[in-house]
Amino acid sequence: MKRTSFFNIVGSGNASEYDHLNNSLSRFVMNYPVQYYRIVADDVMRPDLISYKVYQSVNYWWLICFVNKIQNPLTDISIGDLLKIPNILDIYDFYKRYKFR
């Protein structure tokens, strides 16, 4: 699942881009029980590694950052931070309902 799947593509002529103001990410809700994950030294600057440890896939790093309001994974993740980890069932449900493409 790509994060760009939730953005509309807009453009004129030959140019097109993702519409960051009109996207479905704000509709993501966590209905199932969430997990929590405490950051260790290996996880700093590596949301992909956190995603792999939790979901056995690196594909959900961006959603972990989104849910935890991490704007810059290189500076906003510190040892000892406690992250909310969305349930995979919420992710699948969201993908089915709000994917643009």
PDB file of N, CA and C in Angstrom:
ATOM      1  N   MET A   1       0.852  -1.169   0.000  1.00  0.00           N
ATOM      2  CA  MET A   1       0.000   0.000   0.000  1.00  0.00           C
ATOM      3  C   MET A   1       0.899   1.233   0.000  1.00  0.00           C
ATOM      4  N   LYS A   2       0.684   2.093  -0.953  1.00  0.00           N
ATOM      5  CA  LYS A   2       1.452   3.329  -1.035  1.00  0.00           C
ATOM      6  C   LYS A   2       0.667   4.471  -0.406  1.00  0.00           C
ATOM      7  N   ARG A   3       1.370   5.370   0.220  1.00  0.00           N
ATOM      8  CA  ARG A   3       0.670   6.511   0.818  1.00  0.00           C
ATOM      9  C   ARG A   3       0.082   7.414  -0.249  1.00  0.00           C
ATOM     10  N   THR A   4       0.651   7.407  -1.438  1.00  0.00           N
ATOM     11  CA  THR A   4       0.137   8.260  -2.502  1.00  0.00           C
ATOM     12  C   THR A   4      -1.217   7.777  -3.023  1.00  0.00           C
ATOM     13  N   SER A   5      -1.622   6.576  -2.636  1.00  0.00           N
ATOM     14  CA  SER A   5      -2.926   6.059  -3.059  1.00  0.00           C
ATOM     15  C   SER A   5      -4.084   6.863  -2.498  1.00  0.00           C
ATOM     16  N   PHE A   6      -3.817   7.683  -1.504  1.00  0.00           N
ATOM     17  CA  PHE A   6      -4.874   8.424  -0.829  1.00  0.00           C
ATOM     18  C   PHE A   6      -4.920   9.896  -1.234  1.00  0.00           C
ATOM     19  N   PHE A   7      -4.123  10.258  -2.241  1.00  0.00           N
ATOM     20  CA  PHE A   7      -4.106  11.625  -2.743  1.00  0.00           C
ATOM     21  C   PHE A   7      -4.696  11.663  -4.142  1.00  0.00           C
ATOM     22  N   ASN A   8      -5.498  12.670  -4.411  1.00  0.00           N
ATOM     23  CA  ASN A   8      -6.004  12.926  -5.750  1.00  0.00           C
ATOM     24  C   ASN A   8      -4.875  13.471  -6.609  1.00  0.00           C
ATOM     25  N   ILE A   9      -4.909  13.197  -7.885  1.00  0.00           N
ATOM     26  CA  ILE A   9      -3.945  13.798  -8.810  1.00  0.00           C
ATOM     27  C   ILE A   9      -4.654  14.914  -9.552  1.00  0.00           C
ATOM     28  N   VAL A  10      -4.049  16.093  -9.540  1.00  0.00           N
ATOM     29  CA  VAL A  10      -4.612  17.252 -10.236  1.00  0.00           C
ATOM     30  C   VAL A  10      -3.560  17.805 -11.182  1.00  0.00           C
ATOM     31  N   GLY A  11      -4.014  18.546 -12.156  1.00  0.00           N
ATOM     32  CA  GLY A  11      -3.057  19.147 -13.068  1.00  0.00           C
ATOM     33  C   GLY A  11      -3.736  19.844 -14.213  1.00  0.00           C
ATOM     34  N   SER A  12      -2.908  20.494 -14.981  1.00  0.00           N
ATOM     35  CA  SER A  12      -3.404  21.145 -16.193  1.00  0.00           C
ATOM     36  C   SER A  12      -2.358  20.956 -17.281  1.00  0.00           C
ATOM     37  N   GLY A  13      -2.826  20.710 -18.461  1.00  0.00           N
ATOM     38  CA  GLY A  13      -1.902  20.482 -19.566  1.00  0.00           C
ATOM     39  C   GLY A  13      -1.121  19.195 -19.349  1.00  0.00           C
ATOM     40  N   ASN A  14       0.186  19.287 -19.495  1.00  0.00           N
ATOM     41  CA  ASN A  14       1.058  18.120 -19.337  1.00  0.00           C
ATOM     42  C   ASN A  14       1.535  17.913 -17.903  1.00  0.00           C
ATOM     43  N   ALA A  15       1.265  18.872 -17.027  1.00  0.00           N
ATOM     44  CA  ALA A  15       1.760  18.782 -15.655  1.00  0.00           C
ATOM     45  C   ALA A  15       0.676  18.222 -14.729  1.00  0.00           C
ATOM     46  N   SER A  16       1.097  17.349 -13.833  1.00  0.00           N
ATOM     47  CA  SER A  16       0.171  16.840 -12.819  1.00  0.00           C
ATOM     48  C   SER A  16       0.938  16.648 -11.513  1.00  0.00           C
ATOM     49  N   GLU A  17       0.196  16.720 -10.402  1.00  0.00           N
ATOM     50  CA  GLU A  17       0.816  16.564  -9.096  1.00  0.00           C
ATOM     51  C   GLU A  17      -0.231  16.043  -8.112  1.00  0.00           C
ATOM     52  N   TYR A  18       0.252  15.588  -6.951  1.00  0.00           N
ATOM     53  CA  TYR A  18      -0.656  15.120  -5.911  1.00  0.00           C
ATOM     54  C   TYR A  18      -1.280  16.312  -5.202  1.00  0.00           C
ATOM     55  N   ASP A  19      -2.558  16.244  -4.975  1.00  0.00           N
ATOM     56  CA  ASP A  19      -3.282  17.298  -4.264  1.00  0.00           C
ATOM     57  C   ASP A  19      -3.185  17.008  -2.763  1.00  0.00           C
ATOM     58  N   HIS A  20      -2.260  17.664  -2.088  1.00  0.00           N
ATOM     59  CA  HIS A  20      -2.029  17.426  -0.665  1.00  0.00           C
ATOM     60  C   HIS A  20      -3.110  18.045   0.214  1.00  0.00           C
ATOM     61  N   LEU A  21      -3.914  18.925  -0.325  1.00  0.00           N
ATOM     62  CA  LEU A  21      -4.987  19.521   0.465  1.00  0.00           C
ATOM     63  C   LEU A  21      -6.258  18.684   0.413  1.00  0.00           C
ATOM     64  N   ASN A  22      -6.428  17.933  -0.655  1.00  0.00           N
ATOM     65  CA  ASN A  22      -7.624  17.111  -0.807  1.00  0.00           C
ATOM     66  C   ASN A  22      -7.200  15.643  -0.789  1.00  0.00           C
ATOM     67  N   ASN A  23      -7.206  15.055   0.402  1.00  0.00           N
ATOM     68  CA  ASN A  23      -6.840  13.647   0.519  1.00  0.00           C
ATOM     69  C   ASN A  23      -7.725  12.982   1.553  1.00  0.00           C
ATOM     70  N   SER A  24      -7.685  11.675   1.587  1.00  0.00           N
ATOM     71  CA  SER A  24      -8.559  10.935   2.494  1.00  0.00           C
ATOM     72  C   SER A  24      -7.862  10.522   3.788  1.00  0.00           C
ATOM     73  N   LEU A  25      -6.619  10.918   3.993  1.00  0.00           N
ATOM     74  CA  LEU A  25      -5.887  10.500   5.192  1.00  0.00           C
ATOM     75  C   LEU A  25      -6.526  10.997   6.483  1.00  0.00           C
ATOM     76  N   SER A  26      -7.174  12.143   6.440  1.00  0.00           N
ATOM     77  CA  SER A  26      -7.799  12.672   7.651  1.00  0.00           C
ATOM     78  C   SER A  26      -8.966  11.806   8.124  1.00  0.00           C
ATOM     79  N   ARG A  27      -9.423  10.898   7.289  1.00  0.00           N
ATOM     80  CA  ARG A  27     -10.543  10.011   7.653  1.00  0.00           C
ATOM     81  C   ARG A  27     -10.094   8.733   8.345  1.00  0.00           C
ATOM     82  N   PHE A  28      -8.788   8.568   8.540  1.00  0.00           N
ATOM     83  CA  PHE A  28      -8.285   7.350   9.181  1.00  0.00           C
ATOM     84  C   PHE A  28      -8.698   7.335  10.652  1.00  0.00           C
ATOM     85  N   VAL A  29      -9.385   6.274  11.054  1.00  0.00           N
ATOM     86  CA  VAL A  29      -9.800   6.106  12.448  1.00  0.00           C
ATOM     87  C   VAL A  29      -9.346   4.725  12.925  1.00  0.00           C
ATOM     88  N   MET A  30      -9.108   4.645  14.205  1.00  0.00           N
ATOM     89  CA  MET A  30      -8.674   3.381  14.795  1.00  0.00           C
ATOM     90  C   MET A  30      -9.822   2.803  15.609  1.00  0.00           C
ATOM     91  N   ASN A  31     -10.521   1.843  15.038  1.00  0.00           N
ATOM     92  CA  ASN A  31     -11.643   1.186  15.696  1.00  0.00           C
ATOM     93  C   ASN A  31     -11.225  -0.048  16.481  1.00  0.00           C
ATOM     94  N   TYR A  32     -10.153  -0.677  16.050  1.00  0.00           N
ATOM     95  CA  TYR A  32      -9.653  -1.876  16.711  1.00  0.00           C
ATOM     96  C   TYR A  32      -8.617  -1.479  17.764  1.00  0.00           C
ATOM     97  N   PRO A  33      -8.322  -2.371  18.702  1.00  0.00           N
ATOM     98  CA  PRO A  33      -7.339  -2.036  19.736  1.00  0.00           C
ATOM     99  C   PRO A  33      -5.976  -1.683  19.130  1.00  0.00           C
ATOM    100  N   VAL A  34      -5.360  -0.644  19.662  1.00  0.00           N
ATOM    101  CA  VAL A  34      -4.040  -0.217  19.178  1.00  0.00           C
ATOM    102  C   VAL A  34      -2.957  -0.899  20.012  1.00  0.00           C
ATOM    103  N   GLN A  35      -1.787  -0.997  19.424  1.00  0.00           N
ATOM    104  CA  GLN A  35      -0.599  -1.452  20.128  1.00  0.00           C
ATOM    105  C   GLN A  35       0.230  -0.218  20.448  1.00  0.00           C
ATOM    106  N   TYR A  36       1.167  -0.386  21.333  1.00  0.00           N
ATOM    107  CA  TYR A  36       2.132   0.671  21.611  1.00  0.00           C
ATOM    108  C   TYR A  36       3.521   0.098  21.426  1.00  0.00           C
ATOM    109  N   TYR A  37       4.407   0.935  20.933  1.00  0.00           N
ATOM    110  CA  TYR A  37       5.771   0.507  20.672  1.00  0.00           C
ATOM    111  C   TYR A  37       6.733   1.549  21.236  1.00  0.00           C
ATOM    112  N   ARG A  38       7.682   1.090  22.064  1.00  0.00           N
ATOM    113  CA  ARG A  38       8.679   1.997  22.636  1.00  0.00           C
ATOM    114  C   ARG A  38       9.935   1.968  21.763  1.00  0.00           C
ATOM    115  N   ILE A  39      10.415   3.148  21.397  1.00  0.00           N
ATOM    116  CA  ILE A  39      11.575   3.303  20.522  1.00  0.00           C
ATOM    117  C   ILE A  39      12.856   2.884  21.249  1.00  0.00           C
ATOM    118  N   VAL A  40      13.649   2.054  20.577  1.00  0.00           N
ATOM    119  CA  VAL A  40      14.978   1.673  21.060  1.00  0.00           C
ATOM    120  C   VAL A  40      16.006   2.307  20.128  1.00  0.00           C
ATOM    121  N   ALA A  41      17.275   2.192  20.476  1.00  0.00           N
ATOM    122  CA  ALA A  41      18.347   2.873  19.727  1.00  0.00           C
ATOM    123  C   ALA A  41      18.345   2.529  18.237  1.00  0.00           C
ATOM    124  N   ASP A  42      18.072   1.273  17.888  1.00  0.00           N
ATOM    125  CA  ASP A  42      18.084   0.870  16.476  1.00  0.00           C
ATOM    126  C   ASP A  42      16.979   1.519  15.654  1.00  0.00           C
ATOM    127  N   ASP A  43      15.920   1.984  16.319  1.00  0.00           N
ATOM    128  CA  ASP A  43      14.750   2.526  15.625  1.00  0.00           C
ATOM    129  C   ASP A  43      14.865   4.011  15.272  1.00  0.00           C
ATOM    130  N   VAL A  44      15.804   4.702  15.869  1.00  0.00           N
ATOM    131  CA  VAL A  44      15.924   6.148  15.632  1.00  0.00           C
ATOM    132  C   VAL A  44      16.186   6.388  14.149  1.00  0.00           C
ATOM    133  N   MET A  45      15.414   7.278  13.558  1.00  0.00           N
ATOM    134  CA  MET A  45      15.484   7.640  12.136  1.00  0.00           C
ATOM    135  C   MET A  45      15.092   6.486  11.220  1.00  0.00           C
ATOM    136  N   ARG A  46      14.407   5.458  11.735  1.00  0.00           N
ATOM    137  CA  ARG A  46      14.069   4.290  10.930  1.00  0.00           C
ATOM    138  C   ARG A  46      12.611   3.862  11.096  1.00  0.00           C
ATOM    139  N   PRO A  47      11.655   4.698  10.671  1.00  0.00           N
ATOM    140  CA  PRO A  47      10.263   4.266  10.773  1.00  0.00           C
ATOM    141  C   PRO A  47       9.974   3.020   9.937  1.00  0.00           C
ATOM    142  N   ASP A  48      10.767   2.798   8.891  1.00  0.00           N
ATOM    143  CA  ASP A  48      10.601   1.582   8.096  1.00  0.00           C
ATOM    144  C   ASP A  48      10.923   0.337   8.920  1.00  0.00           C
ATOM    145  N   LEU A  49      11.931   0.434   9.777  1.00  0.00           N
ATOM    146  CA  LEU A  49      12.306  -0.682  10.643  1.00  0.00           C
ATOM    147  C   LEU A  49      11.230  -0.936  11.699  1.00  0.00           C
ATOM    148  N   ILE A  50      10.654   0.125  12.229  1.00  0.00           N
ATOM    149  CA  ILE A  50       9.547  -0.012  13.189  1.00  0.00           C
ATOM    150  C   ILE A  50       8.375  -0.725  12.510  1.00  0.00           C
ATOM    151  N   SER A  51       8.040  -0.298  11.310  1.00  0.00           N
ATOM    152  CA  SER A  51       6.964  -0.925  10.555  1.00  0.00           C
ATOM    153  C   SER A  51       7.248  -2.407  10.337  1.00  0.00           C
ATOM    154  N   TYR A  52       8.475  -2.740  10.005  1.00  0.00           N
ATOM    155  CA  TYR A  52       8.835  -4.140   9.780  1.00  0.00           C
ATOM    156  C   TYR A  52       8.710  -4.958  11.059  1.00  0.00           C
ATOM    157  N   LYS A  53       9.161  -4.388  12.177  1.00  0.00           N
ATOM    158  CA  LYS A  53       9.088  -5.103  13.455  1.00  0.00           C
ATOM    159  C   LYS A  53       7.636  -5.370  13.862  1.00  0.00           C
ATOM    160  N   VAL A  54       6.761  -4.448  13.568  1.00  0.00           N
ATOM    161  CA  VAL A  54       5.361  -4.571  13.996  1.00  0.00           C
ATOM    162  C   VAL A  54       4.510  -5.349  12.993  1.00  0.00           C
ATOM    163  N   TYR A  55       4.659  -5.037  11.701  1.00  0.00           N
ATOM    164  CA  TYR A  55       3.790  -5.612  10.673  1.00  0.00           C
ATOM    165  C   TYR A  55       4.482  -6.633   9.755  1.00  0.00           C
ATOM    166  N   GLN A  56       5.785  -6.844   9.930  1.00  0.00           N
ATOM    167  CA  GLN A  56       6.572  -7.688   9.030  1.00  0.00           C
ATOM    168  C   GLN A  56       6.543  -7.140   7.603  1.00  0.00           C
ATOM    169  N   SER A  57       6.402  -5.842   7.491  1.00  0.00           N
ATOM    170  CA  SER A  57       6.406  -5.150   6.203  1.00  0.00           C
ATOM    171  C   SER A  57       6.865  -3.708   6.428  1.00  0.00           C
ATOM    172  N   VAL A  58       7.686  -3.196   5.533  1.00  0.00           N
ATOM    173  CA  VAL A  58       8.141  -1.813   5.652  1.00  0.00           C
ATOM    174  C   VAL A  58       7.127  -0.822   5.079  1.00  0.00           C
ATOM    175  N   ASN A  59       6.058  -1.316   4.487  1.00  0.00           N
ATOM    176  CA  ASN A  59       5.123  -0.471   3.752  1.00  0.00           C
ATOM    177  C   ASN A  59       4.277   0.479   4.596  1.00  0.00           C
ATOM    178  N   TYR A  60       4.220   0.302   5.899  1.00  0.00           N
ATOM    179  CA  TYR A  60       3.309   1.105   6.718  1.00  0.00           C
ATOM    180  C   TYR A  60       4.021   2.158   7.563  1.00  0.00           C
ATOM    181  N   TRP A  61       5.283   2.431   7.276  1.00  0.00           N
ATOM    182  CA  TRP A  61       6.044   3.404   8.055  1.00  0.00           C
ATOM    183  C   TRP A  61       5.363   4.769   8.034  1.00  0.00           C
ATOM    184  N   TRP A  62       4.845   5.168   6.890  1.00  0.00           N
ATOM    185  CA  TRP A  62       4.237   6.490   6.733  1.00  0.00           C
ATOM    186  C   TRP A  62       2.971   6.613   7.566  1.00  0.00           C
ATOM    187  N   LEU A  63       2.231   5.517   7.739  1.00  0.00           N
ATOM    188  CA  LEU A  63       1.008   5.561   8.538  1.00  0.00           C
ATOM    189  C   LEU A  63       1.333   5.654  10.032  1.00  0.00           C
ATOM    190  N   ILE A  64       2.391   4.971  10.450  1.00  0.00           N
ATOM    191  CA  ILE A  64       2.848   5.102  11.838  1.00  0.00           C
ATOM    192  C   ILE A  64       3.234   6.554  12.108  1.00  0.00           C
ATOM    193  N   CYS A  65       3.939   7.170  11.173  1.00  0.00           N
ATOM    194  CA  CYS A  65       4.316   8.583  11.327  1.00  0.00           C
ATOM    195  C   CYS A  65       3.079   9.477  11.336  1.00  0.00           C
ATOM    196  N   PHE A  66       2.136   9.215  10.459  1.00  0.00           N
ATOM    197  CA  PHE A  66       0.920  10.023  10.381  1.00  0.00           C
ATOM    198  C   PHE A  66       0.128   9.964  11.682  1.00  0.00           C
ATOM    199  N   VAL A  67      -0.102   8.768  12.201  1.00  0.00           N
ATOM    200  CA  VAL A  67      -0.883   8.589  13.424  1.00  0.00           C
ATOM    201  C   VAL A  67      -0.209   9.261  14.619  1.00  0.00           C
ATOM    202  N   ASN A  68       1.125   9.251  14.651  1.00  0.00           N
ATOM    203  CA  ASN A  68       1.863   9.819  15.774  1.00  0.00           C
ATOM    204  C   ASN A  68       2.317  11.255  15.540  1.00  0.00           C
ATOM    205  N   LYS A  69       1.818  11.860  14.447  1.00  0.00           N
ATOM    206  CA  LYS A  69       2.122  13.251  14.100  1.00  0.00           C
ATOM    207  C   LYS A  69       3.637  13.504  13.995  1.00  0.00           C
ATOM    208  N   ILE A  70       4.322  12.553  13.390  1.00  0.00           N
ATOM    209  CA  ILE A  70       5.760  12.679  13.149  1.00  0.00           C
ATOM    210  C   ILE A  70       5.929  13.283  11.762  1.00  0.00           C
ATOM    211  N   GLN A  71       6.377  14.522  11.712  1.00  0.00           N
ATOM    212  CA  GLN A  71       6.536  15.194  10.428  1.00  0.00           C
ATOM    213  C   GLN A  71       7.881  14.894   9.787  1.00  0.00           C
ATOM    214  N   ASN A  72       8.913  14.764  10.606  1.00  0.00           N
ATOM    215  CA  ASN A  72      10.239  14.469  10.090  1.00  0.00           C
ATOM    216  C   ASN A  72      10.800  13.266  10.838  1.00  0.00           C
ATOM    217  N   PRO A  73      10.778  12.088  10.226  1.00  0.00           N
ATOM    218  CA  PRO A  73      11.237  10.892  10.922  1.00  0.00           C
ATOM    219  C   PRO A  73      12.715  10.920  11.276  1.00  0.00           C
ATOM    220  N   LEU A  74      13.475  11.801  10.655  1.00  0.00           N
ATOM    221  CA  LEU A  74      14.902  11.888  10.962  1.00  0.00           C
ATOM    222  C   LEU A  74      15.174  12.640  12.258  1.00  0.00           C
ATOM    223  N   THR A  75      14.244  13.487  12.663  1.00  0.00           N
ATOM    224  CA  THR A  75      14.471  14.272  13.880  1.00  0.00           C
ATOM    225  C   THR A  75      13.398  14.086  14.948  1.00  0.00           C
ATOM    226  N   ASP A  76      12.241  13.579  14.584  1.00  0.00           N
ATOM    227  CA  ASP A  76      11.113  13.517  15.521  1.00  0.00           C
ATOM    228  C   ASP A  76      10.964  12.183  16.244  1.00  0.00           C
ATOM    229  N   ILE A  77      11.889  11.249  16.051  1.00  0.00           N
ATOM    230  CA  ILE A  77      11.835   9.955  16.732  1.00  0.00           C
ATOM    231  C   ILE A  77      13.040   9.859  17.660  1.00  0.00           C
ATOM    232  N   SER A  78      12.764   9.679  18.943  1.00  0.00           N
ATOM    233  CA  SER A  78      13.836   9.611  19.942  1.00  0.00           C
ATOM    234  C   SER A  78      13.727   8.332  20.763  1.00  0.00           C
ATOM    235  N   ILE A  79      14.850   7.898  21.298  1.00  0.00           N
ATOM    236  CA  ILE A  79      14.871   6.716  22.164  1.00  0.00           C
ATOM    237  C   ILE A  79      13.918   6.947  23.334  1.00  0.00           C
ATOM    238  N   GLY A  80      13.092   5.951  23.595  1.00  0.00           N
ATOM    239  CA  GLY A  80      12.147   6.029  24.705  1.00  0.00           C
ATOM    240  C   GLY A  80      10.772   6.530  24.334  1.00  0.00           C
ATOM    241  N   ASP A  81      10.609   7.127  23.151  1.00  0.00           N
ATOM    242  CA  ASP A  81       9.283   7.578  22.719  1.00  0.00           C
ATOM    243  C   ASP A  81       8.337   6.386  22.642  1.00  0.00           C
ATOM    244  N   LEU A  82       7.083   6.623  22.969  1.00  0.00           N
ATOM    245  CA  LEU A  82       6.056   5.591  22.887  1.00  0.00           C
ATOM    246  C   LEU A  82       5.146   5.923  21.719  1.00  0.00           C
ATOM    247  N   LEU A  83       5.123   5.041  20.721  1.00  0.00           N
ATOM    248  CA  LEU A  83       4.326   5.275  19.522  1.00  0.00           C
ATOM    249  C   LEU A  83       3.056   4.441  19.548  1.00  0.00           C
ATOM    250  N   LYS A  84       1.986   5.025  19.040  1.00  0.00           N
ATOM    251  CA  LYS A  84       0.740   4.299  18.822  1.00  0.00           C
ATOM    252  C   LYS A  84       0.873   3.548  17.504  1.00  0.00           C
ATOM    253  N   ILE A  85       0.532   2.279  17.527  1.00  0.00           N
ATOM    254  CA  ILE A  85       0.618   1.455  16.327  1.00  0.00           C
ATOM    255  C   ILE A  85      -0.795   1.024  15.933  1.00  0.00           C
ATOM    256  N   PRO A  86      -1.295   1.494  14.795  1.00  0.00           N
ATOM    257  CA  PRO A  86      -2.642   1.121  14.362  1.00  0.00           C
ATOM    258  C   PRO A  86      -2.753  -0.381  14.109  1.00  0.00           C
ATOM    259  N   ASN A  87      -3.902  -0.915  14.394  1.00  0.00           N
ATOM    260  CA  ASN A  87      -4.191  -2.317  14.131  1.00  0.00           C
ATOM    261  C   ASN A  87      -4.233  -2.519  12.616  1.00  0.00           C
ATOM    262  N   ILE A  88      -3.687  -3.623  12.152  1.00  0.00           N
ATOM    263  CA  ILE A  88      -3.649  -3.904  10.716  1.00  0.00           C
ATOM    264  C   ILE A  88      -5.057  -3.981  10.115  1.00  0.00           C
ATOM    265  N   LEU A  89      -6.033  -4.378  10.911  1.00  0.00           N
ATOM    266  CA  LEU A  89      -7.416  -4.432  10.410  1.00  0.00           C
ATOM    267  C   LEU A  89      -7.955  -3.037  10.100  1.00  0.00           C
ATOM    268  N   ASP A  90      -7.574  -2.038  10.898  1.00  0.00           N
ATOM    269  CA  ASP A  90      -7.952  -0.650  10.604  1.00  0.00           C
ATOM    270  C   ASP A  90      -7.306  -0.180   9.302  1.00  0.00           C
ATOM    271  N   ILE A  91      -6.071  -0.592   9.083  1.00  0.00           N
ATOM    272  CA  ILE A  91      -5.355  -0.191   7.869  1.00  0.00           C
ATOM    273  C   ILE A  91      -6.033  -0.788   6.639  1.00  0.00           C
ATOM    274  N   TYR A  92      -6.352  -2.073   6.690  1.00  0.00           N
ATOM    275  CA  TYR A  92      -7.016  -2.726   5.553  1.00  0.00           C
ATOM    276  C   TYR A  92      -8.385  -2.107   5.290  1.00  0.00           C
ATOM    277  N   ASP A  93      -9.124  -1.855   6.351  1.00  0.00           N
ATOM    278  CA  ASP A  93     -10.448  -1.260   6.207  1.00  0.00           C
ATOM    279  C   ASP A  93     -10.359   0.129   5.578  1.00  0.00           C
ATOM    280  N   PHE A  94      -9.434   0.935   6.049  1.00  0.00           N
ATOM    281  CA  PHE A  94      -9.227   2.280   5.517  1.00  0.00           C
ATOM    282  C   PHE A  94      -8.846   2.222   4.033  1.00  0.00           C
ATOM    283  N   TYR A  95      -7.958   1.323   3.699  1.00  0.00           N
ATOM    284  CA  TYR A  95      -7.506   1.190   2.315  1.00  0.00           C
ATOM    285  C   TYR A  95      -8.676   0.851   1.385  1.00  0.00           C
ATOM    286  N   LYS A  96      -9.521  -0.065   1.818  1.00  0.00           N
ATOM    287  CA  LYS A  96     -10.663  -0.464   0.986  1.00  0.00           C
ATOM    288  C   LYS A  96     -11.655   0.678   0.782  1.00  0.00           C
ATOM    289  N   ARG A  97     -11.862   1.475   1.824  1.00  0.00           N
ATOM    290  CA  ARG A  97     -12.874   2.525   1.731  1.00  0.00           C
ATOM    291  C   ARG A  97     -12.404   3.808   1.078  1.00  0.00           C
ATOM    292  N   TYR A  98     -11.135   4.204   1.244  1.00  0.00           N
ATOM    293  CA  TYR A  98     -10.727   5.556   0.869  1.00  0.00           C
ATOM    294  C   TYR A  98      -9.619   5.646  -0.172  1.00  0.00           C
ATOM    295  N   LYS A  99      -9.250   4.570  -0.769  1.00  0.00           N
ATOM    296  CA  LYS A  99      -8.203   4.615  -1.791  1.00  0.00           C
ATOM    297  C   LYS A  99      -8.730   5.372  -3.004  1.00  0.00           C
ATOM    298  N   PHE A 100      -7.964   6.309  -3.509  1.00  0.00           N
ATOM    299  CA  PHE A 100      -8.352   7.064  -4.711  1.00  0.00           C
ATOM    300  C   PHE A 100      -8.089   6.256  -5.981  1.00  0.00           C
ATOM    301  N   ARG A 101      -6.968   5.554  -6.025  1.00  0.00           N
ATOM    302  CA  ARG A 101      -6.613   4.805  -7.226  1.00  0.00           C
ATOM    303  C   ARG A 101      -6.452   3.351  -6.896  1.00  0.00           C
TER     304      ARG A 101
END
